[in-house]
Amino acid sequence: MRVGTAEREEAARLLADHYSQGRLTPDEYEAVTLGELRPLFQDLPAPLRSPPGCCKSCCRS
């Protein structure tokens, strides 16, 4: 699934924040597909908004 520029930039910002706080490894930080991103967001503290392209059900506990 492709995401738009705004969604991609928001995901990059959120991941950079988590990476800078030591919550992601370099390999995780380099994730490029939506399939790779969703599991990362599930394991991180909840962002204020859902990750790009998220159906919201994947982020619920």
Foldseek 3Di string as FASTA:
>chain_A
DDFDPVLVVVLLVVLVVCVVVVNDDPVLNPDDDPVSSLVSCCPDPHDPDDHTPDPVPSNDD
